[in-house]
Amino acid sequence: MNLLALFGSITTLMAFAAFVGIAWMAYAPRFAARHQRDALIPFLDSQLPPASGPEPEARASHSTKA
């Protein structure tokens, strides 16, 4: 077996081990609560107060005056 084939085999086994680890982490009951909490992250921004600064109308009126 040449060195390149050995390297390819080792790389394939490492990638498969990483896949199995990620799949186990995704479906393990131990991580279910964390995944449910993390699933709500995209919706947390809607609970933040709006950014302070000039209103969009004020910005438009300043930029149109010459």
N, C-alpha and C. Protein backbone atom coordinates (compact mmCIF):
# COMPACT_ATOMS: atom_id res chain seq x y z
N MET A 1 0.85 -1.17 0.00
CA MET A 1 0.00 0.00 0.00
C MET A 1 0.90 1.24 0.00
N ASN A 2 0.64 2.11 -0.92
CA ASN A 2 1.49 3.29 -0.97
C ASN A 2 1.05 4.34 0.05
N LEU A 3 1.85 5.33 0.22
CA LEU A 3 1.63 6.34 1.25
C LEU A 3 0.38 7.17 0.97
N LEU A 4 0.12 7.47 -0.29
CA LEU A 4 -1.05 8.27 -0.64
C LEU A 4 -2.35 7.53 -0.34
N ALA A 5 -2.40 6.24 -0.60
CA ALA A 5 -3.59 5.45 -0.29
C ALA A 5 -3.80 5.36 1.22
N LEU A 6 -2.73 5.22 1.97
CA LEU A 6 -2.83 5.19 3.44
C LEU A 6 -3.36 6.52 3.97
N PHE A 7 -2.84 7.61 3.44
CA PHE A 7 -3.31 8.94 3.86
C PHE A 7 -4.79 9.11 3.53
N GLY A 8 -5.22 8.66 2.36
CA GLY A 8 -6.63 8.74 1.98
C GLY A 8 -7.52 7.91 2.89
N SER A 9 -7.05 6.74 3.26
CA SER A 9 -7.83 5.88 4.15
C SER A 9 -7.95 6.48 5.54
N ILE A 10 -6.87 7.01 6.05
CA ILE A 10 -6.91 7.64 7.38
C ILE A 10 -7.82 8.86 7.37
N THR A 11 -7.75 9.67 6.32
CA THR A 11 -8.60 10.85 6.20
C THR A 11 -10.07 10.45 6.14
N THR A 12 -10.38 9.40 5.40
CA THR A 12 -11.75 8.92 5.30
C THR A 12 -12.27 8.45 6.66
N LEU A 13 -11.46 7.72 7.39
CA LEU A 13 -11.86 7.25 8.72
C LEU A 13 -12.07 8.41 9.68
N MET A 14 -11.22 9.42 9.61
CA MET A 14 -11.38 10.59 10.48
C MET A 14 -12.66 11.36 10.14
N ALA A 15 -12.95 11.50 8.85
CA ALA A 15 -14.18 12.19 8.45
C ALA A 15 -15.41 11.41 8.89
N PHE A 16 -15.36 10.09 8.78
CA PHE A 16 -16.49 9.26 9.22
C PHE A 16 -16.67 9.36 10.73
N ALA A 17 -15.57 9.37 11.47
CA ALA A 17 -15.67 9.51 12.93
C ALA A 17 -16.26 10.87 13.31
N ALA A 18 -15.90 11.91 12.60
CA ALA A 18 -16.47 13.24 12.86
C ALA A 18 -17.96 13.25 12.55
N PHE A 19 -18.36 12.61 11.46
CA PHE A 19 -19.77 12.53 11.10
C PHE A 19 -20.56 11.79 12.18
N VAL A 20 -20.04 10.66 12.64
CA VAL A 20 -20.74 9.89 13.68
C VAL A 20 -20.85 10.72 14.96
N GLY A 21 -19.80 11.44 15.31
CA GLY A 21 -19.84 12.28 16.51
C GLY A 21 -20.87 13.40 16.41
N ILE A 22 -20.94 14.03 15.26
CA ILE A 22 -21.92 15.11 15.07
C ILE A 22 -23.34 14.55 15.06
N ALA A 23 -23.54 13.42 14.41
CA ALA A 23 -24.87 12.80 14.38
C ALA A 23 -25.29 12.37 15.78
N TRP A 24 -24.35 11.81 16.55
CA TRP A 24 -24.67 11.41 17.92
C TRP A 24 -25.05 12.63 18.76
N MET A 25 -24.32 13.72 18.58
CA MET A 25 -24.62 14.93 19.35
C MET A 25 -25.97 15.52 18.96
N ALA A 26 -26.34 15.39 17.70
CA ALA A 26 -27.61 15.95 17.25
C ALA A 26 -28.81 15.17 17.77
N TYR A 27 -28.67 13.87 17.95
CA TYR A 27 -29.81 13.04 18.32
C TYR A 27 -29.76 12.50 19.75
N ALA A 28 -28.73 12.78 20.50
CA ALA A 28 -28.63 12.28 21.86
C ALA A 28 -29.64 12.99 22.76
N PRO A 29 -30.39 12.27 23.55
CA PRO A 29 -31.37 12.89 24.45
C PRO A 29 -30.73 13.87 25.44
N ARG A 30 -29.48 13.64 25.75
CA ARG A 30 -28.78 14.51 26.70
C ARG A 30 -28.70 15.94 26.21
N PHE A 31 -28.66 16.15 24.89
CA PHE A 31 -28.52 17.49 24.32
C PHE A 31 -29.85 18.08 23.84
N ALA A 32 -30.96 17.41 24.08
CA ALA A 32 -32.26 17.86 23.56
C ALA A 32 -32.64 19.24 24.10
N ALA A 33 -32.44 19.48 25.38
CA ALA A 33 -32.80 20.77 25.97
C ALA A 33 -31.97 21.89 25.36
N ARG A 34 -30.69 21.64 25.15
CA ARG A 34 -29.85 22.67 24.54
C ARG A 34 -30.29 22.97 23.11
N HIS A 35 -30.63 21.95 22.35
CA HIS A 35 -31.05 22.17 20.97
C HIS A 35 -32.37 22.93 20.91
N GLN A 36 -33.28 22.64 21.83
CA GLN A 36 -34.54 23.39 21.85
C GLN A 36 -34.29 24.86 22.19
N ARG A 37 -33.40 25.12 23.12
CA ARG A 37 -33.06 26.50 23.49
C ARG A 37 -32.35 27.21 22.34
N ASP A 38 -31.43 26.52 21.68
CA ASP A 38 -30.70 27.13 20.57
C ASP A 38 -31.58 27.36 19.35
N ALA A 39 -32.66 26.59 19.21
CA ALA A 39 -33.56 26.77 18.08
C ALA A 39 -34.28 28.12 18.15
N LEU A 40 -34.34 28.73 19.32
CA LEU A 40 -35.04 30.01 19.49
C LEU A 40 -34.13 31.22 19.28
N ILE A 41 -32.85 31.01 19.06
CA ILE A 41 -31.90 32.12 18.93
C ILE A 41 -32.30 33.10 17.82
N PRO A 42 -32.75 32.67 16.64
CA PRO A 42 -33.10 33.66 15.61
C PRO A 42 -34.25 34.58 16.00
N PHE A 43 -35.07 34.18 16.94
CA PHE A 43 -36.23 34.98 17.32
C PHE A 43 -35.94 35.90 18.49
N LEU A 44 -34.77 35.84 19.07
CA LEU A 44 -34.44 36.68 20.23
C LEU A 44 -34.25 38.14 19.84
N ASP A 45 -33.83 38.43 18.61
CA ASP A 45 -33.62 39.82 18.20
C ASP A 45 -34.91 40.61 18.20
N SER A 46 -36.05 39.98 17.99
CA SER A 46 -37.31 40.71 17.95
C SER A 46 -37.70 41.22 19.33
N GLN A 47 -37.07 40.73 20.38
CA GLN A 47 -37.39 41.17 21.73
C GLN A 47 -36.50 42.32 22.18
N LEU A 48 -35.52 42.70 21.38
CA LEU A 48 -34.63 43.79 21.73
C LEU A 48 -35.27 45.12 21.38
N PRO A 49 -34.96 46.17 22.13
CA PRO A 49 -35.49 47.50 21.78
C PRO A 49 -34.88 47.97 20.46
N PRO A 50 -35.57 48.82 19.73
CA PRO A 50 -35.00 49.31 18.46
C PRO A 50 -33.73 50.11 18.71
N ALA A 51 -32.87 50.10 17.74
CA ALA A 51 -31.60 50.83 17.85
C ALA A 51 -31.88 52.32 17.90
N SER A 52 -31.12 53.02 18.74
CA SER A 52 -31.32 54.47 18.83
C SER A 52 -30.65 55.15 17.65
N GLY A 53 -31.19 56.26 17.27
CA GLY A 53 -30.65 57.01 16.14
C GLY A 53 -31.77 57.75 15.45
N PRO A 54 -31.45 58.49 14.42
CA PRO A 54 -32.49 59.24 13.73
C PRO A 54 -33.48 58.31 13.05
N GLU A 55 -34.70 58.76 12.98
CA GLU A 55 -35.75 58.00 12.31
C GLU A 55 -35.46 57.94 10.81
N PRO A 56 -35.98 56.95 10.11
CA PRO A 56 -35.73 56.86 8.66
C PRO A 56 -36.20 58.09 7.90
N GLU A 57 -37.31 58.71 8.34
CA GLU A 57 -37.80 59.91 7.66
C GLU A 57 -36.81 61.06 7.84
N ALA A 58 -36.22 61.16 9.04
CA ALA A 58 -35.27 62.24 9.30
C ALA A 58 -34.01 62.05 8.46
N ARG A 59 -33.56 60.81 8.30
CA ARG A 59 -32.38 60.56 7.48
C ARG A 59 -32.67 60.89 6.03
N ALA A 60 -33.87 60.58 5.53
CA ALA A 60 -34.20 60.84 4.14
C ALA A 60 -34.31 62.34 3.89
N SER A 61 -34.87 63.10 4.84
CA SER A 61 -35.04 64.53 4.62
C SER A 61 -33.69 65.25 4.65
N HIS A 62 -32.73 64.79 5.43
CA HIS A 62 -31.42 65.41 5.48
C HIS A 62 -30.63 65.13 4.21
N SER A 63 -30.81 63.96 3.65
CA SER A 63 -30.00 63.62 2.49
C SER A 63 -30.55 64.22 1.20
N THR A 64 -31.83 64.64 1.17
CA THR A 64 -32.40 65.20 -0.05
C THR A 64 -32.21 66.70 -0.14
N LYS A 65 -31.91 67.38 0.98
CA LYS A 65 -31.70 68.82 0.93
C LYS A 65 -30.33 69.13 0.35
N ALA A 66 -30.29 70.14 -0.49
CA ALA A 66 -29.01 70.50 -1.11
C ALA A 66 -28.52 71.83 -0.60
